[in-house]
PDB file of N, CA and C in Angstrom:
ATOM      1  N   MET A   1     125.212  84.770 164.503  1.00  0.00           N
ATOM      2  CA  MET A   1     126.094  85.202 163.441  1.00  0.00           C
ATOM      3  C   MET A   1     125.444  86.325 162.628  1.00  0.00           C
ATOM      4  N   TYR A   2     124.268  86.067 162.021  1.00  0.00           N
ATOM      5  CA  TYR A   2     123.558  87.079 161.264  1.00  0.00           C
ATOM      6  C   TYR A   2     122.225  87.340 161.940  1.00  0.00           C
ATOM      7  N   PRO A   3     121.777  88.577 161.950  1.00  0.00           N
ATOM      8  CA  PRO A   3     120.473  88.851 162.551  1.00  0.00           C
ATOM      9  C   PRO A   3     119.351  88.373 161.637  1.00  0.00           C
ATOM     10  N   ILE A   4     118.680  87.328 162.014  1.00  0.00           N
ATOM     11  CA  ILE A   4     117.553  86.800 161.264  1.00  0.00           C
ATOM     12  C   ILE A   4     116.301  87.139 162.059  1.00  0.00           C
ATOM     13  N   LEU A   5     115.355  87.763 161.412  1.00  0.00           N
ATOM     14  CA  LEU A   5     114.172  88.248 162.109  1.00  0.00           C
ATOM     15  C   LEU A   5     113.068  87.211 162.221  1.00  0.00           C
ATOM     16  N   PHE A   6     113.179  86.115 161.534  1.00  0.00           N
ATOM     17  CA  PHE A   6     112.141  85.100 161.569  1.00  0.00           C
ATOM     18  C   PHE A   6     112.789  83.737 161.680  1.00  0.00           C
ATOM     19  N   THR A   7     112.031  82.799 162.215  1.00  0.00           N
ATOM     20  CA  THR A   7     112.621  81.479 162.412  1.00  0.00           C
ATOM     21  C   THR A   7     112.228  80.504 161.321  1.00  0.00           C
ATOM     22  N   HIS A   8     111.032  80.622 160.780  1.00  0.00           N
ATOM     23  CA  HIS A   8     110.600  79.722 159.709  1.00  0.00           C
ATOM     24  C   HIS A   8     109.893  80.544 158.639  1.00  0.00           C
ATOM     25  N   VAL A   9     110.091  80.139 157.421  1.00  0.00           N
ATOM     26  CA  VAL A   9     109.438  80.797 156.299  1.00  0.00           C
ATOM     27  C   VAL A   9     108.728  79.720 155.506  1.00  0.00           C
ATOM     28  N   LEU A  10     107.486  79.958 155.183  1.00  0.00           N
ATOM     29  CA  LEU A  10     106.753  79.047 154.309  1.00  0.00           C
ATOM     30  C   LEU A  10     106.727  79.651 152.927  1.00  0.00           C
ATOM     31  N   ILE A  11     107.126  78.870 151.942  1.00  0.00           N
ATOM     32  CA  ILE A  11     107.154  79.339 150.560  1.00  0.00           C
ATOM     33  C   ILE A  11     106.233  78.456 149.741  1.00  0.00           C
ATOM     34  N   ILE A  12     105.354  79.091 149.003  1.00  0.00           N
ATOM     35  CA  ILE A  12     104.544  78.360 148.034  1.00  0.00           C
ATOM     36  C   ILE A  12     105.254  78.498 146.704  1.00  0.00           C
ATOM     37  N   VAL A  13     105.679  77.389 146.171  1.00  0.00           N
ATOM     38  CA  VAL A  13     106.439  77.384 144.932  1.00  0.00           C
ATOM     39  C   VAL A  13     105.486  77.723 143.793  1.00  0.00           C
ATOM     40  N   PRO A  14     105.812  78.737 142.963  1.00  0.00           N
ATOM     41  CA  PRO A  14     104.874  79.197 141.946  1.00  0.00           C
ATOM     42  C   PRO A  14     104.589  78.189 140.832  1.00  0.00           C
ATOM     43  N   MET A  15     105.513  77.273 140.548  1.00  0.00           N
ATOM     44  CA  MET A  15     105.277  76.320 139.464  1.00  0.00           C
ATOM     45  C   MET A  15     104.226  75.280 139.841  1.00  0.00           C
ATOM     46  N   SER A  16     104.102  74.979 141.092  1.00  0.00           N
ATOM     47  CA  SER A  16     103.144  73.978 141.533  1.00  0.00           C
ATOM     48  C   SER A  16     102.459  74.510 142.784  1.00  0.00           C
ATOM     49  N   SER A  17     101.203  74.823 142.675  1.00  0.00           N
ATOM     50  CA  SER A  17     100.502  75.466 143.781  1.00  0.00           C
ATOM     51  C   SER A  17     100.255  74.510 144.944  1.00  0.00           C
ATOM     52  N   THR A  18     100.501  73.216 144.761  1.00  0.00           N
ATOM     53  CA  THR A  18     100.254  72.259 145.838  1.00  0.00           C
ATOM     54  C   THR A  18     101.486  72.003 146.690  1.00  0.00           C
ATOM     55  N   ARG A  19     102.644  72.457 146.248  1.00  0.00           N
ATOM     56  CA  ARG A  19     103.879  72.184 146.970  1.00  0.00           C
ATOM     57  C   ARG A  19     104.234  73.368 147.868  1.00  0.00           C
ATOM     58  N   ILE A  20     104.369  73.119 149.148  1.00  0.00           N
ATOM     59  CA  ILE A  20     104.761  74.141 150.105  1.00  0.00           C
ATOM     60  C   ILE A  20     106.063  73.695 150.738  1.00  0.00           C
ATOM     61  N   GLN A  21     106.999  74.619 150.836  1.00  0.00           N
ATOM     62  CA  GLN A  21     108.324  74.293 151.355  1.00  0.00           C
ATOM     63  C   GLN A  21     108.583  75.160 152.578  1.00  0.00           C
ATOM     64  N   GLU A  22     109.070  74.559 153.640  1.00  0.00           N
ATOM     65  CA  GLU A  22     109.404  75.290 154.846  1.00  0.00           C
ATOM     66  C   GLU A  22     110.914  75.463 154.916  1.00  0.00           C
ATOM     67  N   ILE A  23     111.341  76.701 155.141  1.00  0.00           N
ATOM     68  CA  ILE A  23     112.765  76.996 155.232  1.00  0.00           C
ATOM     69  C   ILE A  23     113.059  77.415 156.658  1.00  0.00           C
ATOM     70  N   SER A  24     113.981  76.725 157.278  1.00  0.00           N
ATOM     71  CA  SER A  24     114.314  77.014 158.673  1.00  0.00           C
ATOM     72  C   SER A  24     115.347  78.135 158.762  1.00  0.00           C
ATOM     73  N   ASP A  25     115.585  78.564 159.978  1.00  0.00           N
ATOM     74  CA  ASP A  25     116.559  79.616 160.246  1.00  0.00           C
ATOM     75  C   ASP A  25     117.958  79.177 159.815  1.00  0.00           C
ATOM     76  N   ASP A  26     118.293  77.915 160.050  1.00  0.00           N
ATOM     77  CA  ASP A  26     119.605  77.392 159.640  1.00  0.00           C
ATOM     78  C   ASP A  26     119.759  77.394 158.123  1.00  0.00           C
ATOM     79  N   ASP A  27     118.685  77.035 157.421  1.00  0.00           N
ATOM     80  CA  ASP A  27     118.738  77.056 155.957  1.00  0.00           C
ATOM     81  C   ASP A  27     118.976  78.472 155.437  1.00  0.00           C
ATOM     82  N   ILE A  28     118.311  79.440 156.053  1.00  0.00           N
ATOM     83  CA  ILE A  28     118.492  80.832 155.636  1.00  0.00           C
ATOM     84  C   ILE A  28     119.920  81.283 155.911  1.00  0.00           C
ATOM     85  N   ARG A  29     120.455  80.895 157.053  1.00  0.00           N
ATOM     86  CA  ARG A  29     121.851  81.243 157.361  1.00  0.00           C
ATOM     87  C   ARG A  29     122.808  80.616 156.346  1.00  0.00           C
ATOM     88  N   ASN A  30     122.567  79.358 156.002  1.00  0.00           N
ATOM     89  CA  ASN A  30     123.414  78.686 155.014  1.00  0.00           C
ATOM     90  C   ASN A  30     123.345  79.388 153.658  1.00  0.00           C
ATOM     91  N   MET A  31     122.135  79.763 153.244  1.00  0.00           N
ATOM     92  CA  MET A  31     121.993  80.468 151.972  1.00  0.00           C
ATOM     93  C   MET A  31     122.693  81.814 152.031  1.00  0.00           C
ATOM     94  N   CYS A  32     122.571  82.513 153.163  1.00  0.00           N
ATOM     95  CA  CYS A  32     123.265  83.800 153.323  1.00  0.00           C
ATOM     96  C   CYS A  32     124.773  83.616 153.225  1.00  0.00           C
ATOM     97  N   ASP A  33     125.292  82.573 153.857  1.00  0.00           N
ATOM     98  CA  ASP A  33     126.730  82.303 153.797  1.00  0.00           C
ATOM     99  C   ASP A  33     127.178  82.027 152.364  1.00  0.00           C
ATOM    100  N   ILE A  34     126.415  81.220 151.652  1.00  0.00           N
ATOM    101  CA  ILE A  34     126.780  80.871 150.274  1.00  0.00           C
ATOM    102  C   ILE A  34     126.792  82.122 149.407  1.00  0.00           C
ATOM    103  N   VAL A  35     125.733  82.924 149.497  1.00  0.00           N
ATOM    104  CA  VAL A  35     125.655  84.140 148.682  1.00  0.00           C
ATOM    105  C   VAL A  35     126.744  85.134 149.092  1.00  0.00           C
ATOM    106  N   HIS A  36     127.014  85.231 150.384  1.00  0.00           N
ATOM    107  CA  HIS A  36     128.029  86.166 150.871  1.00  0.00           C
ATOM    108  C   HIS A  36     129.421  85.790 150.373  1.00  0.00           C
ATOM    109  N   ARG A  37     129.711  84.487 150.272  1.00  0.00           N
ATOM    110  CA  ARG A  37     131.016  84.039 149.767  1.00  0.00           C
ATOM    111  C   ARG A  37     131.173  84.308 148.273  1.00  0.00           C
ATOM    112  N   GLN A  38     130.073  84.265 147.547  1.00  0.00           N
ATOM    113  CA  GLN A  38     130.148  84.394 146.093  1.00  0.00           C
ATOM    114  C   GLN A  38     129.964  85.827 145.593  1.00  0.00           C
ATOM    115  N   THR A  39     129.436  86.711 146.436  1.00  0.00           N
ATOM    116  CA  THR A  39     129.169  88.087 146.021  1.00  0.00           C
ATOM    117  C   THR A  39     129.777  89.056 147.030  1.00  0.00           C
ATOM    118  N   ASP A  40     129.617  90.334 146.756  1.00  0.00           N
ATOM    119  CA  ASP A  40     130.038  91.339 147.721  1.00  0.00           C
ATOM    120  C   ASP A  40     128.832  92.053 148.338  1.00  0.00           C
ATOM    121  N   TYR A  41     127.674  91.385 148.347  1.00  0.00           N
ATOM    122  CA  TYR A  41     126.466  91.934 148.958  1.00  0.00           C
ATOM    123  C   TYR A  41     126.613  91.941 150.477  1.00  0.00           C
ATOM    124  N   THR A  42     125.964  92.922 151.109  1.00  0.00           N
ATOM    125  CA  THR A  42     125.879  92.933 152.562  1.00  0.00           C
ATOM    126  C   THR A  42     124.780  91.974 153.000  1.00  0.00           C
ATOM    127  N   ILE A  43     124.717  91.706 154.285  1.00  0.00           N
ATOM    128  CA  ILE A  43     123.706  90.769 154.792  1.00  0.00           C
ATOM    129  C   ILE A  43     122.300  91.310 154.555  1.00  0.00           C
ATOM    130  N   ASP A  44     122.121  92.608 154.716  1.00  0.00           N
ATOM    131  CA  ASP A  44     120.807  93.200 154.462  1.00  0.00           C
ATOM    132  C   ASP A  44     120.409  93.048 152.999  1.00  0.00           C
ATOM    133  N   GLN A  45     121.368  93.279 152.104  1.00  0.00           N
ATOM    134  CA  GLN A  45     121.084  93.103 150.684  1.00  0.00           C
ATOM    135  C   GLN A  45     120.768  91.646 150.366  1.00  0.00           C
ATOM    136  N   ILE A  46     121.494  90.741 150.998  1.00  0.00           N
ATOM    137  CA  ILE A  46     121.250  89.315 150.760  1.00  0.00           C
ATOM    138  C   ILE A  46     119.852  88.926 151.221  1.00  0.00           C
ATOM    139  N   MET A  47     119.438  89.406 152.381  1.00  0.00           N
ATOM    140  CA  MET A  47     118.095  89.082 152.874  1.00  0.00           C
ATOM    141  C   MET A  47     117.022  89.640 151.930  1.00  0.00           C
ATOM    142  N   ASP A  48     117.229  90.855 151.430  1.00  0.00           N
ATOM    143  CA  ASP A  48     116.282  91.431 150.476  1.00  0.00           C
ATOM    144  C   ASP A  48     116.243  90.617 149.181  1.00  0.00           C
ATOM    145  N   LYS A  49     117.419  90.208 148.715  1.00  0.00           N
ATOM    146  CA  LYS A  49     117.485  89.407 147.490  1.00  0.00           C
ATOM    147  C   LYS A  49     116.854  88.030 147.686  1.00  0.00           C
ATOM    148  N   LEU A  50     117.036  87.434 148.850  1.00  0.00           N
ATOM    149  CA  LEU A  50     116.408  86.132 149.117  1.00  0.00           C
ATOM    150  C   LEU A  50     114.895  86.243 149.033  1.00  0.00           C
ATOM    151  N   ILE A  51     114.361  87.296 149.581  1.00  0.00           N
ATOM    152  CA  ILE A  51     112.904  87.491 149.502  1.00  0.00           C
ATOM    153  C   ILE A  51     112.493  87.742 148.062  1.00  0.00           C
ATOM    154  N   GLU A  52     113.261  88.565 147.355  1.00  0.00           N
ATOM    155  CA  GLU A  52     112.937  88.903 145.963  1.00  0.00           C
ATOM    156  C   GLU A  52     112.974  87.672 145.060  1.00  0.00           C
ATOM    157  N   TYR A  53     113.950  86.785 145.292  1.00  0.00           N
ATOM    158  CA  TYR A  53     114.134  85.604 144.443  1.00  0.00           C
ATOM    159  C   TYR A  53     113.529  84.338 145.060  1.00  0.00           C
ATOM    160  N   ASP A  54     112.581  84.500 145.960  1.00  0.00           N
ATOM    161  CA  ASP A  54     111.868  83.365 146.582  1.00  0.00           C
ATOM    162  C   ASP A  54     112.826  82.354 147.198  1.00  0.00           C
ATOM    163  N   TYR A  55     113.840  82.849 147.887  1.00  0.00           N
ATOM    164  CA  TYR A  55     114.813  82.040 148.619  1.00  0.00           C
ATOM    165  C   TYR A  55     115.573  81.060 147.725  1.00  0.00           C
ATOM    166  N   ASN A  56     115.821  81.476 146.502  1.00  0.00           N
ATOM    167  CA  ASN A  56     116.633  80.681 145.578  1.00  0.00           C
ATOM    168  C   ASN A  56     117.999  81.352 145.476  1.00  0.00           C
ATOM    169  N   HIS A  57     118.956  80.850 146.258  1.00  0.00           N
ATOM    170  CA  HIS A  57     120.269  81.488 146.327  1.00  0.00           C
ATOM    171  C   HIS A  57     121.055  81.365 145.025  1.00  0.00           C
ATOM    172  N   ILE A  58     120.791  80.340 144.242  1.00  0.00           N
ATOM    173  CA  ILE A  58     121.480  80.159 142.967  1.00  0.00           C
ATOM    174  C   ILE A  58     121.110  81.295 142.002  1.00  0.00           C
ATOM    175  N   ASP A  59     119.826  81.670 141.973  1.00  0.00           N
ATOM    176  CA  ASP A  59     119.393  82.757 141.098  1.00  0.00           C
ATOM    177  C   ASP A  59     120.002  84.088 141.518  1.00  0.00           C
ATOM    178  N   ILE A  60     120.215  84.282 142.816  1.00  0.00           N
ATOM    179  CA  ILE A  60     120.845  85.518 143.295  1.00  0.00           C
ATOM    180  C   ILE A  60     122.281  85.599 142.780  1.00  0.00           C
ATOM    181  N   ILE A  61     122.993  84.501 142.858  1.00  0.00           N
ATOM    182  CA  ILE A  61     124.382  84.477 142.395  1.00  0.00           C
ATOM    183  C   ILE A  61     124.437  84.654 140.878  1.00  0.00           C
ATOM    184  N   LYS A  62     123.530  84.018 140.153  1.00  0.00           N
ATOM    185  CA  LYS A  62     123.489  84.180 138.700  1.00  0.00           C
ATOM    186  C   LYS A  62     123.203  85.630 138.329  1.00  0.00           C
ATOM    187  N   ASP A  63     122.279  86.271 139.050  1.00  0.00           N
ATOM    188  CA  ASP A  63     121.974  87.674 138.794  1.00  0.00           C
ATOM    189  C   ASP A  63     123.199  88.544 139.051  1.00  0.00           C
ATOM    190  N   TYR A  64     123.918  88.265 140.103  1.00  0.00           N
ATOM    191  CA  TYR A  64     125.130  89.025 140.436  1.00  0.00           C
ATOM    192  C   TYR A  64     126.183  88.887 139.334  1.00  0.00           C
ATOM    193  N   MET A  65     126.297  87.685 138.775  1.00  0.00           N
ATOM    194  CA  MET A  65     127.295  87.431 137.738  1.00  0.00           C
ATOM    195  C   MET A  65     126.839  87.903 136.358  1.00  0.00           C
ATOM    196  N   GLY A  66     125.598  88.324 136.245  1.00  0.00           N
ATOM    197  CA  GLY A  66     125.091  88.811 134.964  1.00  0.00           C
ATOM    198  C   GLY A  66     124.495  87.738 134.088  1.00  0.00           C
ATOM    199  N   ILE A  67     124.279  86.566 134.627  1.00  0.00           N
ATOM    200  CA  ILE A  67     123.665  85.478 133.868  1.00  0.00           C
ATOM    201  C   ILE A  67     122.160  85.677 133.887  1.00  0.00           C
ATOM    202  N   VAL A  68     121.554  85.689 132.719  1.00  0.00           N
ATOM    203  CA  VAL A  68     120.115  85.904 132.622  1.00  0.00           C
ATOM    204  C   VAL A  68     119.398  84.610 133.001  1.00  0.00           C
ATOM    205  N   VAL A  69     118.528  84.717 133.977  1.00  0.00           N
ATOM    206  CA  VAL A  69     117.771  83.559 134.430  1.00  0.00           C
ATOM    207  C   VAL A  69     116.513  83.462 133.568  1.00  0.00           C
ATOM    208  N   ALA A  70     116.306  82.296 132.971  1.00  0.00           N
ATOM    209  CA  ALA A  70     115.132  82.102 132.121  1.00  0.00           C
ATOM    210  C   ALA A  70     113.867  82.150 132.967  1.00  0.00           C
ATOM    211  N   LYS A  71     112.979  83.028 132.579  1.00  0.00           N
ATOM    212  CA  LYS A  71     111.723  83.157 133.303  1.00  0.00           C
ATOM    213  C   LYS A  71     110.657  82.311 132.610  1.00  0.00           C
ATOM    214  N   PRO A  72     109.831  81.641 133.377  1.00  0.00           N
ATOM    215  CA  PRO A  72     108.761  80.872 132.740  1.00  0.00           C
ATOM    216  C   PRO A  72     107.781  81.815 132.053  1.00  0.00           C
ATOM    217  N   TYR A  73     107.336  81.430 130.870  1.00  0.00           N
ATOM    218  CA  TYR A  73     106.428  82.293 130.139  1.00  0.00           C
ATOM    219  C   TYR A  73     105.009  82.140 130.669  1.00  0.00           C
ATOM    220  N   LYS A  74     104.269  83.197 130.545  1.00  0.00           N
ATOM    221  CA  LYS A  74     102.898  83.217 131.025  1.00  0.00           C
ATOM    222  C   LYS A  74     101.967  82.862 129.884  1.00  0.00           C
ATOM    223  N   ILE A  75     101.085  81.930 130.132  1.00  0.00           N
ATOM    224  CA  ILE A  75     100.112  81.531 129.132  1.00  0.00           C
ATOM    225  C   ILE A  75      98.963  82.538 129.173  1.00  0.00           C
ATOM    226  N   GLU A  76      98.769  83.238 128.043  1.00  0.00           N
ATOM    227  CA  GLU A  76      97.709  84.241 127.982  1.00  0.00           C
ATOM    228  C   GLU A  76      96.343  83.580 127.799  1.00  0.00           C
ATOM    229  N   SER A  77      96.269  82.662 126.871  1.00  0.00           N
ATOM    230  CA  SER A  77      95.008  81.959 126.640  1.00  0.00           C
ATOM    231  C   SER A  77      95.326  80.571 126.097  1.00  0.00           C
ATOM    232  N   ILE A  78      94.345  79.720 126.115  1.00  0.00           N
ATOM    233  CA  ILE A  78      94.524  78.355 125.612  1.00  0.00           C
ATOM    234  C   ILE A  78      94.822  78.372 124.113  1.00  0.00           C
ATOM    235  N   GLN A  79      94.122  79.232 123.368  1.00  0.00           N
ATOM    236  CA  GLN A  79      94.335  79.301 121.921  1.00  0.00           C
ATOM    237  C   GLN A  79      95.769  79.728 121.598  1.00  0.00           C
ATOM    238  N   GLN A  80      96.277  80.721 122.315  1.00  0.00           N
ATOM    239  CA  GLN A  80      97.644  81.164 122.078  1.00  0.00           C
ATOM    240  C   GLN A  80      98.640  80.051 122.380  1.00  0.00           C
ATOM    241  N   GLU A  81      98.401  79.310 123.431  1.00  0.00           N
ATOM    242  CA  GLU A  81      99.307  78.217 123.784  1.00  0.00           C
ATOM    243  C   GLU A  81      99.248  77.110 122.732  1.00  0.00           C
ATOM    244  N   ILE A  82      98.065  76.796 122.235  1.00  0.00           N
ATOM    245  CA  ILE A  82      97.931  75.762 121.201  1.00  0.00           C
ATOM    246  C   ILE A  82      98.718  76.152 119.955  1.00  0.00           C
ATOM    247  N   TYR A  83      98.527  77.390 119.488  1.00  0.00           N
ATOM    248  CA  TYR A  83      99.225  77.816 118.276  1.00  0.00           C
ATOM    249  C   TYR A  83     100.726  77.971 118.503  1.00  0.00           C
ATOM    250  N   LYS A  84     101.112  78.343 119.704  1.00  0.00           N
ATOM    251  CA  LYS A  84     102.534  78.426 120.009  1.00  0.00           C
ATOM    252  C   LYS A  84     103.172  77.043 119.933  1.00  0.00           C
ATOM    253  N   GLN A  85     102.516  76.047 120.526  1.00  0.00           N
ATOM    254  CA  GLN A  85     103.049  74.688 120.474  1.00  0.00           C
ATOM    255  C   GLN A  85     103.083  74.149 119.042  1.00  0.00           C
ATOM    256  N   LEU A  86     102.061  74.478 118.249  1.00  0.00           N
ATOM    257  CA  LEU A  86     102.063  74.070 116.842  1.00  0.00           C
ATOM    258  C   LEU A  86     103.236  74.696 116.094  1.00  0.00           C
ATOM    259  N   ARG A  87     103.476  75.995 116.308  1.00  0.00           N
ATOM    260  CA  ARG A  87     104.597  76.660 115.642  1.00  0.00           C
ATOM    261  C   ARG A  87     105.924  76.034 116.045  1.00  0.00           C
ATOM    262  N   ILE A  88     106.075  75.744 117.316  1.00  0.00           N
ATOM    263  CA  ILE A  88     107.319  75.130 117.787  1.00  0.00           C
ATOM    264  C   ILE A  88     107.534  73.775 117.127  1.00  0.00           C
ATOM    265  N   LYS A  89     106.472  72.969 117.086  1.00  0.00           N
ATOM    266  CA  LYS A  89     106.563  71.628 116.498  1.00  0.00           C
ATOM    267  C   LYS A  89     106.861  71.699 114.998  1.00  0.00           C
ATOM    268  N   LEU A  90     106.161  72.595 114.294  1.00  0.00           N
ATOM    269  CA  LEU A  90     106.377  72.714 112.856  1.00  0.00           C
ATOM    270  C   LEU A  90     107.765  73.290 112.542  1.00  0.00           C
ATOM    271  N   ASP A  91     108.237  74.229 113.344  1.00  0.00           N
ATOM    272  CA  ASP A  91     109.580  74.768 113.147  1.00  0.00           C
ATOM    273  C   ASP A  91     110.630  73.681 113.328  1.00  0.00           C
ATOM    274  N   ALA A  92     110.442  72.844 114.335  1.00  0.00           N
ATOM    275  CA  ALA A  92     111.396  71.750 114.574  1.00  0.00           C
ATOM    276  C   ALA A  92     111.370  70.751 113.421  1.00  0.00           C
ATOM    277  N   ALA A  93     110.166  70.441 112.927  1.00  0.00           N
ATOM    278  CA  ALA A  93     110.043  69.492 111.815  1.00  0.00           C
ATOM    279  C   ALA A  93     110.684  70.062 110.551  1.00  0.00           C
ATOM    280  N   THR A  94     110.476  71.348 110.282  1.00  0.00           N
ATOM    281  CA  THR A  94     111.070  71.990 109.109  1.00  0.00           C
ATOM    282  C   THR A  94     112.591  72.001 109.219  1.00  0.00           C
ATOM    283  N   LYS A  95     113.104  72.292 110.394  1.00  0.00           N
ATOM    284  CA  LYS A  95     114.557  72.304 110.596  1.00  0.00           C
ATOM    285  C   LYS A  95     115.139  70.911 110.373  1.00  0.00           C
ATOM    286  N   ASP A  96     114.478  69.894 110.914  1.00  0.00           N
ATOM    287  CA  ASP A  96     114.946  68.520 110.711  1.00  0.00           C
ATOM    288  C   ASP A  96     114.937  68.147 109.238  1.00  0.00           C
ATOM    289  N   PHE A  97     113.877  68.522 108.525  1.00  0.00           N
ATOM    290  CA  PHE A  97     113.777  68.216 107.095  1.00  0.00           C
ATOM    291  C   PHE A  97     114.893  68.913 106.330  1.00  0.00           C
ATOM    292  N   ASN A  98     115.099  70.201 106.601  1.00  0.00           N
ATOM    293  CA  ASN A  98     116.147  70.951 105.902  1.00  0.00           C
ATOM    294  C   ASN A  98     117.532  70.391 106.207  1.00  0.00           C
ATOM    295  N   ASP A  99     117.759  70.002 107.445  1.00  0.00           N
ATOM    296  CA  ASP A  99     119.048  69.395 107.795  1.00  0.00           C
ATOM    297  C   ASP A  99     119.239  68.083 107.046  1.00  0.00           C
ATOM    298  N   GLY A 100     118.176  67.306 106.934  1.00  0.00           N
ATOM    299  CA  GLY A 100     118.247  66.051 106.193  1.00  0.00           C
ATOM    300  C   GLY A 100     118.540  66.281 104.718  1.00  0.00           C
ATOM    301  N   GLN A 101     117.893  67.297 104.127  1.00  0.00           N
ATOM    302  CA  GLN A 101     118.131  67.605 102.720  1.00  0.00           C
ATOM    303  C   GLN A 101     119.567  68.085 102.501  1.00  0.00           C
ATOM    304  N   TYR A 102     120.076  68.870 103.442  1.00  0.00           N
ATOM    305  CA  TYR A 102     121.461  69.350 103.345  1.00  0.00           C
ATOM    306  C   TYR A 102     122.433  68.175 103.401  1.00  0.00           C
ATOM    307  N   ASP A 103     122.204  67.259 104.345  1.00  0.00           N
ATOM    308  CA  ASP A 103     123.076  66.088 104.456  1.00  0.00           C
ATOM    309  C   ASP A 103     123.007  65.224 103.203  1.00  0.00           C
ATOM    310  N   LYS A 104     121.791  65.086 102.653  1.00  0.00           N
ATOM    311  CA  LYS A 104     121.608  64.287 101.438  1.00  0.00           C
ATOM    312  C   LYS A 104     122.358  64.925 100.263  1.00  0.00           C
ATOM    313  N   LEU A 105     122.243  66.228 100.112  1.00  0.00           N
ATOM    314  CA  LEU A 105     122.931  66.943  99.036  1.00  0.00           C
ATOM    315  C   LEU A 105     124.432  66.868  99.219  1.00  0.00           C
ATOM    316  N   LYS A 106     124.905  67.014 100.433  1.00  0.00           N
ATOM    317  CA  LYS A 106     126.331  66.947 100.741  1.00  0.00           C
ATOM    318  C   LYS A 106     126.887  65.563 100.398  1.00  0.00           C
ATOM    319  N   LYS A 107     126.104  64.512 100.713  1.00  0.00           N
ATOM    320  CA  LYS A 107     126.531  63.141 100.402  1.00  0.00           C
ATOM    321  C   LYS A 107     126.588  62.921  98.893  1.00  0.00           C
ATOM    322  N   GLU A 108     125.594  63.441  98.149  1.00  0.00           N
ATOM    323  CA  GLU A 108     125.584  63.289  96.705  1.00  0.00           C
ATOM    324  C   GLU A 108     126.782  64.010  96.068  1.00  0.00           C
ATOM    325  N   LEU A 109     127.109  65.191  96.597  1.00  0.00           N
ATOM    326  CA  LEU A 109     128.256  65.916  96.055  1.00  0.00           C
ATOM    327  C   LEU A 109     129.564  65.187  96.345  1.00  0.00           C
ATOM    328  N   GLU A 110     129.659  64.565  97.507  1.00  0.00           N
ATOM    329  CA  GLU A 110     130.864  63.800  97.840  1.00  0.00           C
ATOM    330  C   GLU A 110     130.990  62.554  96.969  1.00  0.00           C
ATOM    331  N   ASP A 111     129.842  61.921  96.668  1.00  0.00           N
ATOM    332  CA  ASP A 111     129.864  60.725  95.818  1.00  0.00           C
ATOM    333  C   ASP A 111     130.261  61.080  94.382  1.00  0.00           C
ATOM    334  N   ASP A 112     129.857  62.264  93.887  1.00  0.00           N
ATOM    335  CA  ASP A 112     130.193  62.677  92.520  1.00  0.00           C
ATOM    336  C   ASP A 112     131.657  63.080  92.388  1.00  0.00           C
ATOM    337  N   ALA A 113     132.250  63.497  93.480  1.00  0.00           N
ATOM    338  CA  ALA A 113     133.641  63.985  93.392  1.00  0.00           C
ATOM    339  C   ALA A 113     134.663  62.899  93.395  1.00  0.00           C
TER     340      ALA A 113
END
């Protein structure tokens, strides 16, 4: 059906360096069919996109539709990651506190009325 130049592809998943996934020729054909039905890409473009997106056909379709795919952030250093996590935690705690104060004030105003 489609000219596939290779029969098996080994992919090392970037999130976990210990996990290796083998993709067969049939899997690649299925992914090509799915992407071809959802987009107007040619088979050559689909094969290039599969390689570019590490054989994740869902990300190819999202890119075609204009949906921004969240990219994992790169940790520059341990110190930066520690302070980033602290900021996230403190921001969440501050938001929760402010929401609680707003609800408390809203309840007091309703009770006075």
